[in-house]
Amino acid sequence: MTVTVITDSSACLPVELRERWGIREVPLHILLDGADLRDGIDDVPADIYAREHVSTSGTGPEELADAYRRGLADSAGAGVVAVHISSALSGTVGTAEHVAAQIGSGVRVIDSKSAGMGTGFVTLAAARAAAGGADLDGVAAAADAAKLRSHAYLVVQRLDNLRRSGRIGSAAAWLGTALSLKPLLAVDDGKLVLAQRIRTFNKAVASMIDRVCDAVGDRSAALAVHHVANPQGAHDLAGTLAERLPACEPALITDLCPTLALHVGAGAVAVCVDLDPGAAPAAGQHD
């Protein structure tokens, strides 16, 4: 009996990783001109971030209930650990907790306090623990521990998408109307916050690289680089990280999933970090 691990499409986990570790995925949703598109399942326009009259929504209760019940049955009673996008960025965790309470104690919901591969790394930690034979408590504990090792940073070309979506929270007041700024954003306790106000995109990326290197130090870590319609920028970023962090494996490079790309806009690049569990402090932080 093996615990089933489930996540949502915001984790940006490549298919090969999901298949390798037996991770199941439920979709977030994009609402476009009256159509409800399932992220990772339905065809989503490549330029979704540039469309008008578009919004996103979390995974629905019926989808979650179906996924959890199937997972529980397939685990032969071992249980389900569901790792989802930060509750500060989506209502999915709240819906998931309500659904899990109705199903019973065999389903544990984990708020990843992140997005993209920040959520993906927490999911992978849970899946590895499950594959190693951990019970429900052990798998949930592995996911919770991974959250403490996680760092995530983002640089956007324009603030328009974030401003429209309301995902920059209190940072909006600090930024004022200076839409020409290229801010360095960070995920802090699940919230997207302004880490540094910078005038040029290249300087913002350089600052992001410095922060990643400071977080990793001379330890090893898993790295992921995301981008929105900016493959060259992502490859350049990954190359610089490889040079400056020789103890780390090359970064995984992936497109940011459509539900996240919609909020950050074209040109954005991001880095997610999962510190080596043997080296991280106990508390702290395809194309």
C-alpha atoms as a PDB file:
ATOM      1  CA  MET A   1       0.000   0.000   0.000  1.00  0.00           C
ATOM      2  CA  THR A   2       1.445   3.347  -1.100  1.00  0.00           C
ATOM      3  CA  VAL A   3       0.195   6.805  -0.224  1.00  0.00           C
ATOM      4  CA  THR A   4      -1.157   8.608  -3.295  1.00  0.00           C
ATOM      5  CA  VAL A   5       0.253  12.081  -3.951  1.00  0.00           C
ATOM      6  CA  ILE A   6      -1.851  14.636  -5.810  1.00  0.00           C
ATOM      7  CA  THR A   7      -1.081  18.206  -6.846  1.00  0.00           C
ATOM      8  CA  ASP A   8      -2.593  20.815  -9.152  1.00  0.00           C
ATOM      9  CA  SER A   9      -1.456  22.187 -12.487  1.00  0.00           C
ATOM     10  CA  SER A  10       0.162  25.252 -10.895  1.00  0.00           C
ATOM     11  CA  ALA A  11       3.061  23.009  -9.834  1.00  0.00           C
ATOM     12  CA  CYS A  12       4.370  23.058 -13.429  1.00  0.00           C
ATOM     13  CA  LEU A  13       5.689  19.518 -13.022  1.00  0.00           C
ATOM     14  CA  PRO A  14       6.800  18.013 -16.358  1.00  0.00           C
ATOM     15  CA  VAL A  15       4.897  14.898 -17.370  1.00  0.00           C
ATOM     16  CA  GLU A  16       7.982  12.718 -17.076  1.00  0.00           C
ATOM     17  CA  LEU A  17       8.465  13.672 -13.425  1.00  0.00           C
ATOM     18  CA  ARG A  18       4.820  13.062 -12.616  1.00  0.00           C
ATOM     19  CA  GLU A  19       4.954   9.663 -14.275  1.00  0.00           C
ATOM     20  CA  ARG A  20       8.248   8.711 -12.653  1.00  0.00           C
ATOM     21  CA  TRP A  21       6.968   9.453  -9.148  1.00  0.00           C
ATOM     22  CA  GLY A  22       3.329   8.495  -9.632  1.00  0.00           C
ATOM     23  CA  ILE A  23       2.045  12.021  -9.006  1.00  0.00           C
ATOM     24  CA  ARG A  24      -1.517  12.807 -10.026  1.00  0.00           C
ATOM     25  CA  GLU A  25      -2.612  16.253 -11.160  1.00  0.00           C
ATOM     26  CA  VAL A  26      -5.870  18.166 -11.060  1.00  0.00           C
ATOM     27  CA  PRO A  27      -6.315  21.265 -13.225  1.00  0.00           C
ATOM     28  CA  LEU A  28      -6.731  24.899 -12.318  1.00  0.00           C
ATOM     29  CA  HIS A  29      -9.075  26.766 -14.656  1.00  0.00           C
ATOM     30  CA  ILE A  30      -8.900  29.640 -17.131  1.00  0.00           C
ATOM     31  CA  LEU A  31     -12.124  31.471 -17.964  1.00  0.00           C
ATOM     32  CA  LEU A  32     -11.856  32.986 -21.446  1.00  0.00           C
ATOM     33  CA  ASP A  33     -14.757  34.592 -23.294  1.00  0.00           C
ATOM     34  CA  GLY A  34     -17.248  32.350 -21.551  1.00  0.00           C
ATOM     35  CA  ALA A  35     -15.233  29.154 -22.023  1.00  0.00           C
ATOM     36  CA  ASP A  36     -13.890  27.185 -19.056  1.00  0.00           C
ATOM     37  CA  LEU A  37     -10.459  25.818 -20.003  1.00  0.00           C
ATOM     38  CA  ARG A  38      -8.714  23.249 -17.819  1.00  0.00           C
ATOM     39  CA  ASP A  39      -5.025  24.021 -17.396  1.00  0.00           C
ATOM     40  CA  GLY A  40      -2.924  21.125 -18.658  1.00  0.00           C
ATOM     41  CA  ILE A  41      -5.875  19.394 -20.330  1.00  0.00           C
ATOM     42  CA  ASP A  42      -7.616  21.751 -22.744  1.00  0.00           C
ATOM     43  CA  ASP A  43      -5.970  23.793 -25.479  1.00  0.00           C
ATOM     44  CA  VAL A  44      -5.123  27.209 -24.032  1.00  0.00           C
ATOM     45  CA  PRO A  45      -4.049  30.027 -26.388  1.00  0.00           C
ATOM     46  CA  ALA A  46      -0.297  30.531 -26.240  1.00  0.00           C
ATOM     47  CA  ASP A  47      -0.810  34.262 -25.759  1.00  0.00           C
ATOM     48  CA  ILE A  48      -3.347  33.879 -22.957  1.00  0.00           C
ATOM     49  CA  TYR A  49      -1.479  36.494 -20.911  1.00  0.00           C
ATOM     50  CA  ALA A  50      -2.277  39.085 -23.597  1.00  0.00           C
ATOM     51  CA  ARG A  51      -6.000  38.347 -23.859  1.00  0.00           C
ATOM     52  CA  GLU A  52      -8.819  40.539 -22.595  1.00  0.00           C
ATOM     53  CA  HIS A  53     -11.773  39.260 -20.573  1.00  0.00           C
ATOM     54  CA  VAL A  54      -9.825  36.382 -19.087  1.00  0.00           C
ATOM     55  CA  SER A  55      -9.498  35.213 -15.484  1.00  0.00           C
ATOM     56  CA  THR A  56      -8.512  32.152 -13.499  1.00  0.00           C
ATOM     57  CA  SER A  57     -10.206  29.986 -10.913  1.00  0.00           C
ATOM     58  CA  GLY A  58      -9.141  27.182  -8.638  1.00  0.00           C
ATOM     59  CA  THR A  59      -9.904  23.506  -8.933  1.00  0.00           C
ATOM     60  CA  GLY A  60     -13.575  22.751  -8.300  1.00  0.00           C
ATOM     61  CA  PRO A  61     -14.864  20.643  -5.398  1.00  0.00           C
ATOM     62  CA  GLU A  62     -16.203  17.889  -7.636  1.00  0.00           C
ATOM     63  CA  GLU A  63     -12.844  17.534  -9.410  1.00  0.00           C
ATOM     64  CA  LEU A  64     -11.008  17.388  -6.096  1.00  0.00           C
ATOM     65  CA  ALA A  65     -13.456  14.950  -4.543  1.00  0.00           C
ATOM     66  CA  ASP A  66     -13.175  12.633  -7.538  1.00  0.00           C
ATOM     67  CA  ALA A  67      -9.360  12.786  -7.518  1.00  0.00           C
ATOM     68  CA  TYR A  68      -9.136  12.233  -3.762  1.00  0.00           C
ATOM     69  CA  ARG A  69     -11.577   9.322  -3.728  1.00  0.00           C
ATOM     70  CA  ARG A  70      -9.809   7.626  -6.629  1.00  0.00           C
ATOM     71  CA  GLY A  71      -6.461   8.193  -4.976  1.00  0.00           C
ATOM     72  CA  LEU A  72      -7.693   6.817  -1.670  1.00  0.00           C
ATOM     73  CA  ALA A  73      -9.090   3.721  -3.361  1.00  0.00           C
ATOM     74  CA  ASP A  74      -5.922   3.139  -5.366  1.00  0.00           C
ATOM     75  CA  SER A  75      -3.793   3.503  -2.234  1.00  0.00           C
ATOM     76  CA  ALA A  76      -5.718   0.600  -0.681  1.00  0.00           C
ATOM     77  CA  GLY A  77      -6.382   2.753   2.348  1.00  0.00           C
ATOM     78  CA  ALA A  78      -2.866   4.129   2.796  1.00  0.00           C
ATOM     79  CA  GLY A  79      -4.174   7.624   2.190  1.00  0.00           C
ATOM     80  CA  VAL A  80      -3.803  10.701   0.024  1.00  0.00           C
ATOM     81  CA  VAL A  81      -1.514  13.710   0.419  1.00  0.00           C
ATOM     82  CA  ALA A  82      -2.656  16.630  -1.723  1.00  0.00           C
ATOM     83  CA  VAL A  83      -0.174  19.480  -2.253  1.00  0.00           C
ATOM     84  CA  HIS A  84      -1.688  22.663  -3.661  1.00  0.00           C
ATOM     85  CA  ILE A  85      -0.829  26.199  -4.695  1.00  0.00           C
ATOM     86  CA  SER A  86      -0.491  28.731  -1.866  1.00  0.00           C
ATOM     87  CA  SER A  87      -3.765  29.665  -0.217  1.00  0.00           C
ATOM     88  CA  ALA A  88      -2.704  33.320  -0.533  1.00  0.00           C
ATOM     89  CA  LEU A  89      -2.729  32.985  -4.335  1.00  0.00           C
ATOM     90  CA  SER A  90      -5.705  30.718  -4.974  1.00  0.00           C
ATOM     91  CA  GLY A  91      -8.823  29.418  -3.269  1.00  0.00           C
ATOM     92  CA  THR A  92      -7.879  25.832  -4.127  1.00  0.00           C
ATOM     93  CA  VAL A  93      -6.533  24.972  -0.663  1.00  0.00           C
ATOM     94  CA  GLY A  94      -9.719  26.157   1.026  1.00  0.00           C
ATOM     95  CA  THR A  95     -11.846  24.086  -1.328  1.00  0.00           C
ATOM     96  CA  ALA A  96      -9.512  21.115  -0.879  1.00  0.00           C
ATOM     97  CA  GLU A  97      -9.717  21.279   2.907  1.00  0.00           C
ATOM     98  CA  HIS A  98     -13.513  21.353   2.777  1.00  0.00           C
ATOM     99  CA  VAL A  99     -13.582  18.370   0.425  1.00  0.00           C
ATOM    100  CA  ALA A 100     -11.039  16.440   2.499  1.00  0.00           C
ATOM    101  CA  ALA A 101     -13.064  16.997   5.670  1.00  0.00           C
ATOM    102  CA  GLN A 102     -16.067  15.417   3.972  1.00  0.00           C
ATOM    103  CA  ILE A 103     -14.080  12.402   2.787  1.00  0.00           C
ATOM    104  CA  GLY A 104     -12.305  11.693   6.063  1.00  0.00           C
ATOM    105  CA  SER A 105      -8.925  11.564   7.773  1.00  0.00           C
ATOM    106  CA  GLY A 106      -7.345   9.586   4.941  1.00  0.00           C
ATOM    107  CA  VAL A 107      -6.807  12.776   2.936  1.00  0.00           C
ATOM    108  CA  ARG A 108      -4.231  15.354   4.047  1.00  0.00           C
ATOM    109  CA  VAL A 109      -4.142  18.752   2.349  1.00  0.00           C
ATOM    110  CA  ILE A 110      -0.828  20.625   2.257  1.00  0.00           C
ATOM    111  CA  ASP A 111      -0.678  24.347   1.539  1.00  0.00           C
ATOM    112  CA  SER A 112       2.617  24.560  -0.355  1.00  0.00           C
ATOM    113  CA  LYS A 113       2.934  28.281   0.455  1.00  0.00           C
ATOM    114  CA  SER A 114       4.290  28.657  -3.069  1.00  0.00           C
ATOM    115  CA  ALA A 115       3.513  28.235  -6.762  1.00  0.00           C
ATOM    116  CA  GLY A 116       5.201  26.850  -9.858  1.00  0.00           C
ATOM    117  CA  MET A 117       8.009  24.468  -9.004  1.00  0.00           C
ATOM    118  CA  GLY A 118       7.924  25.870  -5.487  1.00  0.00           C
ATOM    119  CA  THR A 119       4.791  23.753  -5.214  1.00  0.00           C
ATOM    120  CA  GLY A 120       6.359  21.137  -7.466  1.00  0.00           C
ATOM    121  CA  PHE A 121       9.338  20.573  -5.171  1.00  0.00           C
ATOM    122  CA  VAL A 122       7.048  20.108  -2.157  1.00  0.00           C
ATOM    123  CA  THR A 123       5.024  17.616  -4.182  1.00  0.00           C
ATOM    124  CA  LEU A 124       8.151  15.737  -5.236  1.00  0.00           C
ATOM    125  CA  ALA A 125       9.302  15.493  -1.618  1.00  0.00           C
ATOM    126  CA  ALA A 126       5.966  13.933  -0.707  1.00  0.00           C
ATOM    127  CA  ALA A 127       6.092  11.549  -3.675  1.00  0.00           C
ATOM    128  CA  ARG A 128       9.623  10.404  -2.849  1.00  0.00           C
ATOM    129  CA  ALA A 129       8.596   9.717   0.732  1.00  0.00           C
ATOM    130  CA  ALA A 130       5.590   7.742  -0.486  1.00  0.00           C
ATOM    131  CA  ALA A 131       7.750   5.734  -2.891  1.00  0.00           C
ATOM    132  CA  GLY A 132      10.104   5.002   0.003  1.00  0.00           C
ATOM    133  CA  GLY A 133       7.262   3.405   1.953  1.00  0.00           C
ATOM    134  CA  ALA A 134       6.395   6.242   4.348  1.00  0.00           C
ATOM    135  CA  ASP A 135       2.931   6.191   5.858  1.00  0.00           C
ATOM    136  CA  LEU A 136       0.410   9.032   5.620  1.00  0.00           C
ATOM    137  CA  ASP A 137       1.975  10.968   8.509  1.00  0.00           C
ATOM    138  CA  GLY A 138       5.452  10.504   7.074  1.00  0.00           C
ATOM    139  CA  VAL A 139       4.487  11.676   3.597  1.00  0.00           C
ATOM    140  CA  ALA A 140       2.715  14.739   4.968  1.00  0.00           C
ATOM    141  CA  ALA A 141       5.727  15.502   7.174  1.00  0.00           C
ATOM    142  CA  ALA A 142       8.057  15.273   4.175  1.00  0.00           C
ATOM    143  CA  ALA A 143       5.919  17.817   2.345  1.00  0.00           C
ATOM    144  CA  ASP A 144       5.847  20.155   5.329  1.00  0.00           C
ATOM    145  CA  ALA A 145       9.631  19.915   5.699  1.00  0.00           C
ATOM    146  CA  ALA A 146      10.127  20.753   2.033  1.00  0.00           C
ATOM    147  CA  LYS A 147       8.219  24.018   2.502  1.00  0.00           C
ATOM    148  CA  LEU A 148      10.938  25.202   4.913  1.00  0.00           C
ATOM    149  CA  ARG A 149      13.610  24.594   2.273  1.00  0.00           C
ATOM    150  CA  SER A 150      11.832  26.500  -0.459  1.00  0.00           C
ATOM    151  CA  HIS A 151      12.631  29.876  -2.014  1.00  0.00           C
ATOM    152  CA  ALA A 152      11.016  31.441  -5.075  1.00  0.00           C
ATOM    153  CA  TYR A 153      11.750  34.670  -6.960  1.00  0.00           C
ATOM    154  CA  LEU A 154      10.178  36.348  -9.972  1.00  0.00           C
ATOM    155  CA  VAL A 155      11.027  39.222 -12.326  1.00  0.00           C
ATOM    156  CA  VAL A 156       8.365  40.605 -14.647  1.00  0.00           C
ATOM    157  CA  GLN A 157       8.692  42.843 -17.691  1.00  0.00           C
ATOM    158  CA  ARG A 158       5.552  44.824 -16.879  1.00  0.00           C
ATOM    159  CA  LEU A 159       3.337  45.195 -13.844  1.00  0.00           C
ATOM    160  CA  ASP A 160       0.062  45.412 -15.772  1.00  0.00           C
ATOM    161  CA  ASN A 161      -0.916  41.749 -15.409  1.00  0.00           C
ATOM    162  CA  LEU A 162      -0.104  41.595 -11.700  1.00  0.00           C
ATOM    163  CA  ARG A 163      -1.893  44.845 -11.041  1.00  0.00           C
ATOM    164  CA  ARG A 164      -5.046  43.680 -12.858  1.00  0.00           C
ATOM    165  CA  SER A 165      -5.070  40.353 -11.064  1.00  0.00           C
ATOM    166  CA  GLY A 166      -4.485  41.873  -7.624  1.00  0.00           C
ATOM    167  CA  ARG A 167      -1.665  39.386  -6.947  1.00  0.00           C
ATOM    168  CA  ILE A 168       0.873  41.979  -5.709  1.00  0.00           C
ATOM    169  CA  GLY A 169      -1.090  42.899  -2.589  1.00  0.00           C
ATOM    170  CA  SER A 170       0.533  45.547  -0.406  1.00  0.00           C
ATOM    171  CA  ALA A 171       3.324  45.979  -2.949  1.00  0.00           C
ATOM    172  CA  ALA A 172       0.882  47.930  -5.108  1.00  0.00           C
ATOM    173  CA  ALA A 173       0.956  50.874  -2.721  1.00  0.00           C
ATOM    174  CA  TRP A 174       4.750  50.929  -2.698  1.00  0.00           C
ATOM    175  CA  LEU A 175       4.996  50.742  -6.471  1.00  0.00           C
ATOM    176  CA  GLY A 176       2.421  53.457  -6.997  1.00  0.00           C
ATOM    177  CA  THR A 177       1.945  54.143 -10.688  1.00  0.00           C
ATOM    178  CA  ALA A 178       5.531  53.431 -11.722  1.00  0.00           C
ATOM    179  CA  LEU A 179       4.694  50.822 -14.330  1.00  0.00           C
ATOM    180  CA  SER A 180       8.147  51.220 -15.884  1.00  0.00           C
ATOM    181  CA  LEU A 181       9.815  49.530 -12.912  1.00  0.00           C
ATOM    182  CA  LYS A 182      11.118  45.962 -13.210  1.00  0.00           C
ATOM    183  CA  PRO A 183      10.495  44.671  -9.701  1.00  0.00           C
ATOM    184  CA  LEU A 184      12.101  41.655  -8.088  1.00  0.00           C
ATOM    185  CA  LEU A 185       9.318  39.739  -6.385  1.00  0.00           C
ATOM    186  CA  ALA A 186       9.610  36.936  -3.869  1.00  0.00           C
ATOM    187  CA  VAL A 187       7.271  34.384  -2.345  1.00  0.00           C
ATOM    188  CA  ASP A 188       7.140  35.009   1.403  1.00  0.00           C
ATOM    189  CA  ASP A 189       4.906  32.788   3.540  1.00  0.00           C
ATOM    190  CA  GLY A 190       2.876  32.018   0.454  1.00  0.00           C
ATOM    191  CA  LYS A 191       2.385  35.647  -0.564  1.00  0.00           C
ATOM    192  CA  LEU A 192       3.909  37.378  -3.582  1.00  0.00           C
ATOM    193  CA  VAL A 193       5.775  40.369  -2.161  1.00  0.00           C
ATOM    194  CA  LEU A 194       8.029  43.080  -3.514  1.00  0.00           C
ATOM    195  CA  ALA A 195      11.633  42.260  -2.616  1.00  0.00           C
ATOM    196  CA  GLN A 196      13.383  45.061  -4.494  1.00  0.00           C
ATOM    197  CA  ARG A 197      12.460  47.946  -6.761  1.00  0.00           C
ATOM    198  CA  ILE A 198      14.796  48.058  -9.778  1.00  0.00           C
ATOM    199  CA  ARG A 199      14.859  50.192 -12.924  1.00  0.00           C
ATOM    200  CA  THR A 200      15.925  47.672 -15.558  1.00  0.00           C
ATOM    201  CA  PHE A 201      15.005  44.076 -16.287  1.00  0.00           C
ATOM    202  CA  ASN A 202      18.622  42.898 -16.540  1.00  0.00           C
ATOM    203  CA  LYS A 203      19.514  44.406 -13.175  1.00  0.00           C
ATOM    204  CA  ALA A 204      16.442  42.810 -11.624  1.00  0.00           C
ATOM    205  CA  VAL A 205      17.477  39.399 -12.992  1.00  0.00           C
ATOM    206  CA  ALA A 206      21.035  39.943 -11.700  1.00  0.00           C
ATOM    207  CA  SER A 207      19.632  40.753  -8.254  1.00  0.00           C
ATOM    208  CA  MET A 208      17.455  37.628  -8.374  1.00  0.00           C
ATOM    209  CA  ILE A 209      20.521  35.520  -9.179  1.00  0.00           C
ATOM    210  CA  ASP A 210      22.382  37.065  -6.235  1.00  0.00           C
ATOM    211  CA  ARG A 211      19.520  36.239  -3.889  1.00  0.00           C
ATOM    212  CA  VAL A 212      19.330  32.654  -5.130  1.00  0.00           C
ATOM    213  CA  CYS A 213      23.073  32.243  -4.657  1.00  0.00           C
ATOM    214  CA  ASP A 214      22.876  33.725  -1.151  1.00  0.00           C
ATOM    215  CA  ALA A 215      20.081  31.312  -0.254  1.00  0.00           C
ATOM    216  CA  VAL A 216      21.973  28.279  -1.558  1.00  0.00           C
ATOM    217  CA  GLY A 217      25.497  29.250  -0.474  1.00  0.00           C
ATOM    218  CA  ASP A 218      27.919  26.365  -0.882  1.00  0.00           C
ATOM    219  CA  ARG A 219      25.201  23.764  -0.389  1.00  0.00           C
ATOM    220  CA  SER A 220      23.476  21.726  -3.078  1.00  0.00           C
ATOM    221  CA  ALA A 221      19.931  22.461  -4.150  1.00  0.00           C
ATOM    222  CA  ALA A 222      17.408  21.604  -6.811  1.00  0.00           C
ATOM    223  CA  LEU A 223      16.678  24.547  -9.087  1.00  0.00           C
ATOM    224  CA  ALA A 224      13.903  25.303 -11.543  1.00  0.00           C
ATOM    225  CA  VAL A 225      13.709  28.220 -13.962  1.00  0.00           C
ATOM    226  CA  HIS A 226      10.334  29.275 -15.348  1.00  0.00           C
ATOM    227  CA  HIS A 227       9.568  31.712 -18.116  1.00  0.00           C
ATOM    228  CA  VAL A 228       6.665  33.217 -20.059  1.00  0.00           C
ATOM    229  CA  ALA A 229       7.473  33.525 -23.781  1.00  0.00           C
ATOM    230  CA  ASN A 230      11.118  34.143 -22.905  1.00  0.00           C
ATOM    231  CA  PRO A 231      13.071  30.924 -23.582  1.00  0.00           C
ATOM    232  CA  GLN A 232      16.363  32.684 -24.264  1.00  0.00           C
ATOM    233  CA  GLY A 233      16.136  34.629 -21.030  1.00  0.00           C
ATOM    234  CA  ALA A 234      15.421  31.412 -19.152  1.00  0.00           C
ATOM    235  CA  HIS A 235      18.378  29.590 -20.719  1.00  0.00           C
ATOM    236  CA  ASP A 236      20.708  32.510 -19.990  1.00  0.00           C
ATOM    237  CA  LEU A 237      19.480  32.597 -16.405  1.00  0.00           C
ATOM    238  CA  ALA A 238      19.950  28.848 -15.977  1.00  0.00           C
ATOM    239  CA  GLY A 239      23.439  29.099 -17.482  1.00  0.00           C
ATOM    240  CA  THR A 240      24.489  31.784 -15.029  1.00  0.00           C
ATOM    241  CA  LEU A 241      23.132  29.774 -12.111  1.00  0.00           C
ATOM    242  CA  ALA A 242      25.106  26.740 -13.297  1.00  0.00           C
ATOM    243  CA  GLU A 243      28.303  28.807 -13.319  1.00  0.00           C
ATOM    244  CA  ARG A 244      27.752  30.332  -9.902  1.00  0.00           C
ATOM    245  CA  LEU A 245      26.323  27.259  -8.158  1.00  0.00           C
ATOM    246  CA  PRO A 246      28.566  24.367  -9.253  1.00  0.00           C
ATOM    247  CA  ALA A 247      27.341  22.129  -6.414  1.00  0.00           C
ATOM    248  CA  CYS A 248      23.835  22.133  -7.905  1.00  0.00           C
ATOM    249  CA  GLU A 249      22.506  20.071 -10.767  1.00  0.00           C
ATOM    250  CA  PRO A 250      21.520  22.096 -13.857  1.00  0.00           C
ATOM    251  CA  ALA A 251      18.216  23.878 -13.395  1.00  0.00           C
ATOM    252  CA  LEU A 252      15.044  22.401 -14.822  1.00  0.00           C
ATOM    253  CA  ILE A 253      13.685  24.886 -17.390  1.00  0.00           C
ATOM    254  CA  THR A 254       9.941  24.982 -18.026  1.00  0.00           C
ATOM    255  CA  ASP A 255       7.273  27.311 -19.328  1.00  0.00           C
ATOM    256  CA  LEU A 256       5.206  28.799 -16.559  1.00  0.00           C
ATOM    257  CA  CYS A 257       1.778  27.169 -16.697  1.00  0.00           C
ATOM    258  CA  PRO A 258      -0.983  29.259 -18.314  1.00  0.00           C
ATOM    259  CA  THR A 259      -2.842  29.992 -15.069  1.00  0.00           C
ATOM    260  CA  LEU A 260       0.297  31.590 -13.625  1.00  0.00           C
ATOM    261  CA  ALA A 261       1.510  33.117 -16.896  1.00  0.00           C
ATOM    262  CA  LEU A 262      -1.749  35.028 -17.116  1.00  0.00           C
ATOM    263  CA  HIS A 263      -0.903  36.869 -13.905  1.00  0.00           C
ATOM    264  CA  VAL A 264       2.737  37.751 -14.634  1.00  0.00           C
ATOM    265  CA  GLY A 265       2.761  38.492 -18.368  1.00  0.00           C
ATOM    266  CA  ALA A 266       5.143  37.953 -21.257  1.00  0.00           C
ATOM    267  CA  GLY A 267       8.877  38.038 -20.640  1.00  0.00           C
ATOM    268  CA  ALA A 268       8.729  37.038 -16.983  1.00  0.00           C
ATOM    269  CA  VAL A 269      11.387  34.735 -15.556  1.00  0.00           C
ATOM    270  CA  ALA A 270      11.388  32.985 -12.192  1.00  0.00           C
ATOM    271  CA  VAL A 271      13.602  30.750 -10.088  1.00  0.00           C
ATOM    272  CA  CYS A 272      12.416  28.184  -7.547  1.00  0.00           C
ATOM    273  CA  VAL A 273      14.871  26.638  -5.108  1.00  0.00           C
ATOM    274  CA  ASP A 274      14.679  23.461  -3.032  1.00  0.00           C
ATOM    275  CA  LEU A 275      17.647  23.293  -0.681  1.00  0.00           C
ATOM    276  CA  ASP A 276      19.279  19.931  -0.060  1.00  0.00           C
ATOM    277  CA  PRO A 277      17.437  18.499   2.975  1.00  0.00           C
ATOM    278  CA  GLY A 278      20.718  17.255   4.396  1.00  0.00           C
ATOM    279  CA  ALA A 279      22.233  20.713   4.304  1.00  0.00           C
ATOM    280  CA  ALA A 280      19.332  23.105   4.838  1.00  0.00           C
ATOM    281  CA  PRO A 281      18.821  24.772   8.225  1.00  0.00           C
ATOM    282  CA  ALA A 282      16.179  23.132  10.351  1.00  0.00           C
ATOM    283  CA  ALA A 283      14.068  26.290  10.213  1.00  0.00           C
ATOM    284  CA  GLY A 284      14.374  28.933   7.593  1.00  0.00           C
ATOM    285  CA  GLN A 285      13.909  29.364   5.084  1.00  0.00           C
ATOM    286  CA  HIS A 286      10.729  21.923 -21.301  1.00  0.00           C
ATOM    287  CA  ASP A 287      10.559  24.389 -23.081  1.00  0.00           C
END
